[in-house]
Amino acid sequence: MGDHTPTQWESVPADPDPQRDLEYSCDDWDVVRTTCQRQSHLLFLPQDEQLLEQDAFVIVSESAVVEMLSYR
């Protein structure tokens, strides 16, 4: 929604559509599971190589990742 006003944010549905209401675009990412010093990590890599060249990746402890559907 960019630089919208608080009033515009208040008009967004409680369960907004990510693309239509929030103007998000979805990208395909690969997930790689790895272990370093006995700790499990997930490495999220965009499938679009141009994004990867822009340092678009995420490394996170596996315990920090949750299935969002379980919070609906």
PDB file of N, CA and C in Angstrom:
ATOM      1  N   MET A   1       0.816  -1.188   0.000  1.00  0.00           N
ATOM      2  CA  MET A   1       0.000   0.000   0.000  1.00  0.00           C
ATOM      3  C   MET A   1       0.860   1.252   0.000  1.00  0.00           C
ATOM      4  N   GLY A   2       2.131   1.110  -0.058  1.00  0.00           N
ATOM      5  CA  GLY A   2       3.006   2.261  -0.202  1.00  0.00           C
ATOM      6  C   GLY A   2       2.875   3.271   0.916  1.00  0.00           C
ATOM      7  N   ASP A   3       2.775   4.548   0.517  1.00  0.00           N
ATOM      8  CA  ASP A   3       2.707   5.650   1.479  1.00  0.00           C
ATOM      9  C   ASP A   3       1.265   6.089   1.705  1.00  0.00           C
ATOM     10  N   HIS A   4       0.438   5.190   2.183  1.00  0.00           N
ATOM     11  CA  HIS A   4      -0.963   5.507   2.395  1.00  0.00           C
ATOM     12  C   HIS A   4      -1.195   6.064   3.793  1.00  0.00           C
ATOM     13  N   THR A   5      -2.273   6.758   3.941  1.00  0.00           N
ATOM     14  CA  THR A   5      -2.621   7.396   5.213  1.00  0.00           C
ATOM     15  C   THR A   5      -3.206   6.375   6.181  1.00  0.00           C
ATOM     16  N   PRO A   6      -3.219   6.701   7.482  1.00  0.00           N
ATOM     17  CA  PRO A   6      -3.845   5.800   8.459  1.00  0.00           C
ATOM     18  C   PRO A   6      -5.296   5.482   8.121  1.00  0.00           C
ATOM     19  N   THR A   7      -6.024   6.450   7.569  1.00  0.00           N
ATOM     20  CA  THR A   7      -7.421   6.218   7.199  1.00  0.00           C
ATOM     21  C   THR A   7      -7.510   5.148   6.119  1.00  0.00           C
ATOM     22  N   GLN A   8      -6.606   5.192   5.155  1.00  0.00           N
ATOM     23  CA  GLN A   8      -6.603   4.179   4.107  1.00  0.00           C
ATOM     24  C   GLN A   8      -6.258   2.801   4.686  1.00  0.00           C
ATOM     25  N   TRP A   9      -5.343   2.755   5.636  1.00  0.00           N
ATOM     26  CA  TRP A   9      -4.996   1.479   6.274  1.00  0.00           C
ATOM     27  C   TRP A   9      -6.192   0.927   7.026  1.00  0.00           C
ATOM     28  N   GLU A  10      -6.976   1.792   7.663  1.00  0.00           N
ATOM     29  CA  GLU A  10      -8.143   1.341   8.420  1.00  0.00           C
ATOM     30  C   GLU A  10      -9.211   0.729   7.514  1.00  0.00           C
ATOM     31  N   SER A  11      -9.201   1.093   6.238  1.00  0.00           N
ATOM     32  CA  SER A  11     -10.196   0.565   5.311  1.00  0.00           C
ATOM     33  C   SER A  11      -9.800  -0.800   4.738  1.00  0.00           C
ATOM     34  N   VAL A  12      -8.601  -1.273   5.041  1.00  0.00           N
ATOM     35  CA  VAL A  12      -8.166  -2.587   4.555  1.00  0.00           C
ATOM     36  C   VAL A  12      -8.908  -3.663   5.340  1.00  0.00           C
ATOM     37  N   PRO A  13      -9.404  -4.694   4.662  1.00  0.00           N
ATOM     38  CA  PRO A  13     -10.127  -5.764   5.363  1.00  0.00           C
ATOM     39  C   PRO A  13      -9.272  -6.416   6.452  1.00  0.00           C
ATOM     40  N   ALA A  14      -9.936  -7.019   7.441  1.00  0.00           N
ATOM     41  CA  ALA A  14      -9.221  -7.703   8.527  1.00  0.00           C
ATOM     42  C   ALA A  14      -8.379  -8.860   7.998  1.00  0.00           C
ATOM     43  N   ASP A  15      -8.822  -9.496   6.926  1.00  0.00           N
ATOM     44  CA  ASP A  15      -8.083 -10.586   6.288  1.00  0.00           C
ATOM     45  C   ASP A  15      -7.806 -10.173   4.841  1.00  0.00           C
ATOM     46  N   PRO A  16      -6.845  -9.248   4.637  1.00  0.00           N
ATOM     47  CA  PRO A  16      -6.643  -8.678   3.304  1.00  0.00           C
ATOM     48  C   PRO A  16      -6.063  -9.670   2.306  1.00  0.00           C
ATOM     49  N   ASP A  17      -6.398  -9.469   1.057  1.00  0.00           N
ATOM     50  CA  ASP A  17      -5.773 -10.213  -0.022  1.00  0.00           C
ATOM     51  C   ASP A  17      -4.396  -9.586  -0.250  1.00  0.00           C
ATOM     52  N   PRO A  18      -3.323 -10.356  -0.150  1.00  0.00           N
ATOM     53  CA  PRO A  18      -1.975  -9.777  -0.248  1.00  0.00           C
ATOM     54  C   PRO A  18      -1.726  -9.002  -1.541  1.00  0.00           C
ATOM     55  N   GLN A  19      -2.207  -9.519  -2.656  1.00  0.00           N
ATOM     56  CA  GLN A  19      -1.946  -8.842  -3.927  1.00  0.00           C
ATOM     57  C   GLN A  19      -2.891  -7.675  -4.170  1.00  0.00           C
ATOM     58  N   ARG A  20      -4.183  -7.910  -4.016  1.00  0.00           N
ATOM     59  CA  ARG A  20      -5.164  -6.870  -4.321  1.00  0.00           C
ATOM     60  C   ARG A  20      -5.161  -5.742  -3.284  1.00  0.00           C
ATOM     61  N   ASP A  21      -5.192  -6.104  -1.992  1.00  0.00           N
ATOM     62  CA  ASP A  21      -5.344  -5.099  -0.946  1.00  0.00           C
ATOM     63  C   ASP A  21      -4.022  -4.487  -0.477  1.00  0.00           C
ATOM     64  N   LEU A  22      -2.948  -5.258  -0.504  1.00  0.00           N
ATOM     65  CA  LEU A  22      -1.680  -4.781   0.034  1.00  0.00           C
ATOM     66  C   LEU A  22      -0.618  -4.527  -1.033  1.00  0.00           C
ATOM     67  N   GLU A  23      -0.964  -4.843  -2.286  1.00  0.00           N
ATOM     68  CA  GLU A  23      -0.078  -4.633  -3.430  1.00  0.00           C
ATOM     69  C   GLU A  23       1.224  -5.427  -3.318  1.00  0.00           C
ATOM     70  N   TYR A  24       1.158  -6.604  -2.671  1.00  0.00           N
ATOM     71  CA  TYR A  24       2.312  -7.490  -2.602  1.00  0.00           C
ATOM     72  C   TYR A  24       2.372  -8.311  -3.877  1.00  0.00           C
ATOM     73  N   SER A  25       3.558  -8.698  -4.262  1.00  0.00           N
ATOM     74  CA  SER A  25       3.704  -9.643  -5.361  1.00  0.00           C
ATOM     75  C   SER A  25       4.420 -10.876  -4.818  1.00  0.00           C
ATOM     76  N   CYS A  26       4.010 -12.034  -5.298  1.00  0.00           N
ATOM     77  CA  CYS A  26       4.580 -13.287  -4.819  1.00  0.00           C
ATOM     78  C   CYS A  26       5.725 -13.719  -5.717  1.00  0.00           C
ATOM     79  N   ASP A  27       6.777 -14.178  -5.096  1.00  0.00           N
ATOM     80  CA  ASP A  27       7.918 -14.728  -5.822  1.00  0.00           C
ATOM     81  C   ASP A  27       8.130 -16.153  -5.351  1.00  0.00           C
ATOM     82  N   ASP A  28       8.723 -16.962  -6.197  1.00  0.00           N
ATOM     83  CA  ASP A  28       9.041 -18.326  -5.824  1.00  0.00           C
ATOM     84  C   ASP A  28      10.418 -18.367  -5.180  1.00  0.00           C
ATOM     85  N   TRP A  29      10.492 -19.021  -4.032  1.00  0.00           N
ATOM     86  CA  TRP A  29      11.741 -19.151  -3.298  1.00  0.00           C
ATOM     87  C   TRP A  29      12.019 -20.625  -3.033  1.00  0.00           C
ATOM     88  N   ASP A  30      13.290 -20.971  -2.997  1.00  0.00           N
ATOM     89  CA  ASP A  30      13.711 -22.311  -2.615  1.00  0.00           C
ATOM     90  C   ASP A  30      14.133 -22.279  -1.156  1.00  0.00           C
ATOM     91  N   VAL A  31      13.917 -23.387  -0.458  1.00  0.00           N
ATOM     92  CA  VAL A  31      14.312 -23.494   0.942  1.00  0.00           C
ATOM     93  C   VAL A  31      15.348 -24.609   1.053  1.00  0.00           C
ATOM     94  N   VAL A  32      16.486 -24.276   1.660  1.00  0.00           N
ATOM     95  CA  VAL A  32      17.562 -25.247   1.865  1.00  0.00           C
ATOM     96  C   VAL A  32      17.757 -25.402   3.368  1.00  0.00           C
ATOM     97  N   ARG A  33      17.716 -26.627   3.840  1.00  0.00           N
ATOM     98  CA  ARG A  33      17.921 -26.927   5.264  1.00  0.00           C
ATOM     99  C   ARG A  33      19.401 -27.252   5.468  1.00  0.00           C
ATOM    100  N   THR A  34      20.014 -26.660   6.470  1.00  0.00           N
ATOM    101  CA  THR A  34      21.434 -26.892   6.729  1.00  0.00           C
ATOM    102  C   THR A  34      21.695 -26.916   8.238  1.00  0.00           C
ATOM    103  N   THR A  35      22.813 -27.484   8.608  1.00  0.00           N
ATOM    104  CA  THR A  35      23.205 -27.534  10.019  1.00  0.00           C
ATOM    105  C   THR A  35      24.617 -26.967  10.149  1.00  0.00           C
ATOM    106  N   CYS A  36      24.780 -26.091  11.111  1.00  0.00           N
ATOM    107  CA  CYS A  36      26.082 -25.492  11.392  1.00  0.00           C
ATOM    108  C   CYS A  36      26.273 -25.490  12.902  1.00  0.00           C
ATOM    109  N   GLN A  37      27.334 -26.081  13.353  1.00  0.00           N
ATOM    110  CA  GLN A  37      27.622 -26.169  14.793  1.00  0.00           C
ATOM    111  C   GLN A  37      26.432 -26.738  15.555  1.00  0.00           C
ATOM    112  N   ARG A  38      25.864 -27.820  15.028  1.00  0.00           N
ATOM    113  CA  ARG A  38      24.749 -28.547  15.637  1.00  0.00           C
ATOM    114  C   ARG A  38      23.452 -27.754  15.724  1.00  0.00           C
ATOM    115  N   GLN A  39      23.339 -26.660  14.997  1.00  0.00           N
ATOM    116  CA  GLN A  39      22.101 -25.882  14.966  1.00  0.00           C
ATOM    117  C   GLN A  39      21.514 -25.932  13.557  1.00  0.00           C
ATOM    118  N   SER A  40      20.215 -26.199  13.480  1.00  0.00           N
ATOM    119  CA  SER A  40      19.537 -26.263  12.182  1.00  0.00           C
ATOM    120  C   SER A  40      19.153 -24.867  11.720  1.00  0.00           C
ATOM    121  N   HIS A  41      19.408 -24.608  10.454  1.00  0.00           N
ATOM    122  CA  HIS A  41      19.060 -23.327   9.850  1.00  0.00           C
ATOM    123  C   HIS A  41      18.342 -23.575   8.533  1.00  0.00           C
ATOM    124  N   LEU A  42      17.546 -22.599   8.127  1.00  0.00           N
ATOM    125  CA  LEU A  42      16.912 -22.618   6.819  1.00  0.00           C
ATOM    126  C   LEU A  42      17.468 -21.451   6.016  1.00  0.00           C
ATOM    127  N   LEU A  43      17.786 -21.732   4.783  1.00  0.00           N
ATOM    128  CA  LEU A  43      18.275 -20.722   3.859  1.00  0.00           C
ATOM    129  C   LEU A  43      17.209 -20.552   2.792  1.00  0.00           C
ATOM    130  N   PHE A  44      16.644 -19.357   2.696  1.00  0.00           N
ATOM    131  CA  PHE A  44      15.618 -19.050   1.699  1.00  0.00           C
ATOM    132  C   PHE A  44      16.280 -18.300   0.552  1.00  0.00           C
ATOM    133  N   LEU A  45      16.184 -18.864  -0.651  1.00  0.00           N
ATOM    134  CA  LEU A  45      16.816 -18.283  -1.832  1.00  0.00           C
ATOM    135  C   LEU A  45      15.770 -18.017  -2.910  1.00  0.00           C
ATOM    136  N   PRO A  46      15.759 -16.809  -3.475  1.00  0.00           N
ATOM    137  CA  PRO A  46      14.803 -16.538  -4.552  1.00  0.00           C
ATOM    138  C   PRO A  46      15.186 -17.324  -5.801  1.00  0.00           C
ATOM    139  N   GLN A  47      14.183 -17.793  -6.528  1.00  0.00           N
ATOM    140  CA  GLN A  47      14.465 -18.497  -7.773  1.00  0.00           C
ATOM    141  C   GLN A  47      14.906 -17.522  -8.865  1.00  0.00           C
ATOM    142  N   ASP A  48      14.526 -16.275  -8.745  1.00  0.00           N
ATOM    143  CA  ASP A  48      14.921 -15.237  -9.696  1.00  0.00           C
ATOM    144  C   ASP A  48      16.370 -14.832  -9.408  1.00  0.00           C
ATOM    145  N   GLU A  49      17.285 -15.164 -10.322  1.00  0.00           N
ATOM    146  CA  GLU A  49      18.708 -14.901 -10.100  1.00  0.00           C
ATOM    147  C   GLU A  49      19.014 -13.415  -9.930  1.00  0.00           C
ATOM    148  N   GLN A  50      18.237 -12.546 -10.552  1.00  0.00           N
ATOM    149  CA  GLN A  50      18.474 -11.110 -10.395  1.00  0.00           C
ATOM    150  C   GLN A  50      18.264 -10.683  -8.941  1.00  0.00           C
ATOM    151  N   LEU A  51      17.288 -11.261  -8.274  1.00  0.00           N
ATOM    152  CA  LEU A  51      17.071 -10.951  -6.859  1.00  0.00           C
ATOM    153  C   LEU A  51      18.235 -11.465  -6.016  1.00  0.00           C
ATOM    154  N   LEU A  52      18.730 -12.643  -6.355  1.00  0.00           N
ATOM    155  CA  LEU A  52      19.848 -13.206  -5.614  1.00  0.00           C
ATOM    156  C   LEU A  52      21.098 -12.345  -5.770  1.00  0.00           C
ATOM    157  N   GLU A  53      21.294 -11.789  -6.937  1.00  0.00           N
ATOM    158  CA  GLU A  53      22.436 -10.902  -7.168  1.00  0.00           C
ATOM    159  C   GLU A  53      22.328  -9.627  -6.344  1.00  0.00           C
ATOM    160  N   GLN A  54      21.110  -9.287  -5.921  1.00  0.00           N
ATOM    161  CA  GLN A  54      20.887  -8.101  -5.083  1.00  0.00           C
ATOM    162  C   GLN A  54      20.902  -8.473  -3.604  1.00  0.00           C
ATOM    163  N   ASP A  55      21.460  -9.636  -3.280  1.00  0.00           N
ATOM    164  CA  ASP A  55      21.547 -10.119  -1.896  1.00  0.00           C
ATOM    165  C   ASP A  55      20.185 -10.359  -1.269  1.00  0.00           C
ATOM    166  N   ALA A  56      19.236 -10.801  -2.067  1.00  0.00           N
ATOM    167  CA  ALA A  56      17.902 -11.112  -1.550  1.00  0.00           C
ATOM    168  C   ALA A  56      17.884 -12.569  -1.099  1.00  0.00           C
ATOM    169  N   PHE A  57      18.244 -12.804   0.144  1.00  0.00           N
ATOM    170  CA  PHE A  57      18.168 -14.137   0.719  1.00  0.00           C
ATOM    171  C   PHE A  57      17.968 -13.999   2.220  1.00  0.00           C
ATOM    172  N   VAL A  58      17.544 -15.087   2.848  1.00  0.00           N
ATOM    173  CA  VAL A  58      17.286 -15.076   4.285  1.00  0.00           C
ATOM    174  C   VAL A  58      17.903 -16.332   4.891  1.00  0.00           C
ATOM    175  N   ILE A  59      18.626 -16.170   5.986  1.00  0.00           N
ATOM    176  CA  ILE A  59      19.130 -17.300   6.771  1.00  0.00           C
ATOM    177  C   ILE A  59      18.518 -17.166   8.161  1.00  0.00           C
ATOM    178  N   VAL A  60      17.866 -18.234   8.620  1.00  0.00           N
ATOM    179  CA  VAL A  60      17.157 -18.155   9.891  1.00  0.00           C
ATOM    180  C   VAL A  60      17.252 -19.486  10.626  1.00  0.00           C
ATOM    181  N   SER A  61      17.240 -19.406  11.935  1.00  0.00           N
ATOM    182  CA  SER A  61      17.189 -20.612  12.746  1.00  0.00           C
ATOM    183  C   SER A  61      15.891 -21.341  12.432  1.00  0.00           C
ATOM    184  N   GLU A  62      15.967 -22.634  12.248  1.00  0.00           N
ATOM    185  CA  GLU A  62      14.777 -23.402  11.882  1.00  0.00           C
ATOM    186  C   GLU A  62      13.671 -23.256  12.930  1.00  0.00           C
ATOM    187  N   SER A  63      14.039 -23.096  14.185  1.00  0.00           N
ATOM    188  CA  SER A  63      13.033 -22.964  15.243  1.00  0.00           C
ATOM    189  C   SER A  63      12.271 -21.638  15.173  1.00  0.00           C
ATOM    190  N   ALA A  64      12.767 -20.678  14.406  1.00  0.00           N
ATOM    191  CA  ALA A  64      12.102 -19.376  14.282  1.00  0.00           C
ATOM    192  C   ALA A  64      11.022 -19.358  13.213  1.00  0.00           C
ATOM    193  N   VAL A  65      10.938 -20.429  12.419  1.00  0.00           N
ATOM    194  CA  VAL A  65       9.981 -20.486  11.312  1.00  0.00           C
ATOM    195  C   VAL A  65       8.746 -21.252  11.753  1.00  0.00           C
ATOM    196  N   VAL A  66       7.577 -20.669  11.500  1.00  0.00           N
ATOM    197  CA  VAL A  66       6.305 -21.306  11.851  1.00  0.00           C
ATOM    198  C   VAL A  66       5.419 -21.358  10.620  1.00  0.00           C
ATOM    199  N   GLU A  67       4.515 -22.305  10.603  1.00  0.00           N
ATOM    200  CA  GLU A  67       3.519 -22.425   9.545  1.00  0.00           C
ATOM    201  C   GLU A  67       2.422 -21.403   9.819  1.00  0.00           C
ATOM    202  N   MET A  68       2.282 -20.423   8.956  1.00  0.00           N
ATOM    203  CA  MET A  68       1.324 -19.342   9.194  1.00  0.00           C
ATOM    204  C   MET A  68      -0.124 -19.814   9.216  1.00  0.00           C
ATOM    205  N   LEU A  69      -0.435 -20.880   8.520  1.00  0.00           N
ATOM    206  CA  LEU A  69      -1.818 -21.366   8.505  1.00  0.00           C
ATOM    207  C   LEU A  69      -2.265 -21.804   9.894  1.00  0.00           C
ATOM    208  N   SER A  70      -1.322 -22.162  10.759  1.00  0.00           N
ATOM    209  CA  SER A  70      -1.689 -22.586  12.098  1.00  0.00           C
ATOM    210  C   SER A  70      -2.089 -21.400  12.986  1.00  0.00           C
ATOM    211  N   TYR A  71      -1.896 -20.180  12.506  1.00  0.00           N
ATOM    212  CA  TYR A  71      -2.246 -18.979  13.278  1.00  0.00           C
ATOM    213  C   TYR A  71      -3.485 -18.277  12.746  1.00  0.00           C
ATOM    214  N   ARG A  72      -4.218 -18.909  11.868  1.00  0.00           N
ATOM    215  CA  ARG A  72      -5.429 -18.280  11.312  1.00  0.00           C
ATOM    216  C   ARG A  72      -6.591 -18.379  12.248  1.00  0.00           C
TER     217      ARG A  72
END
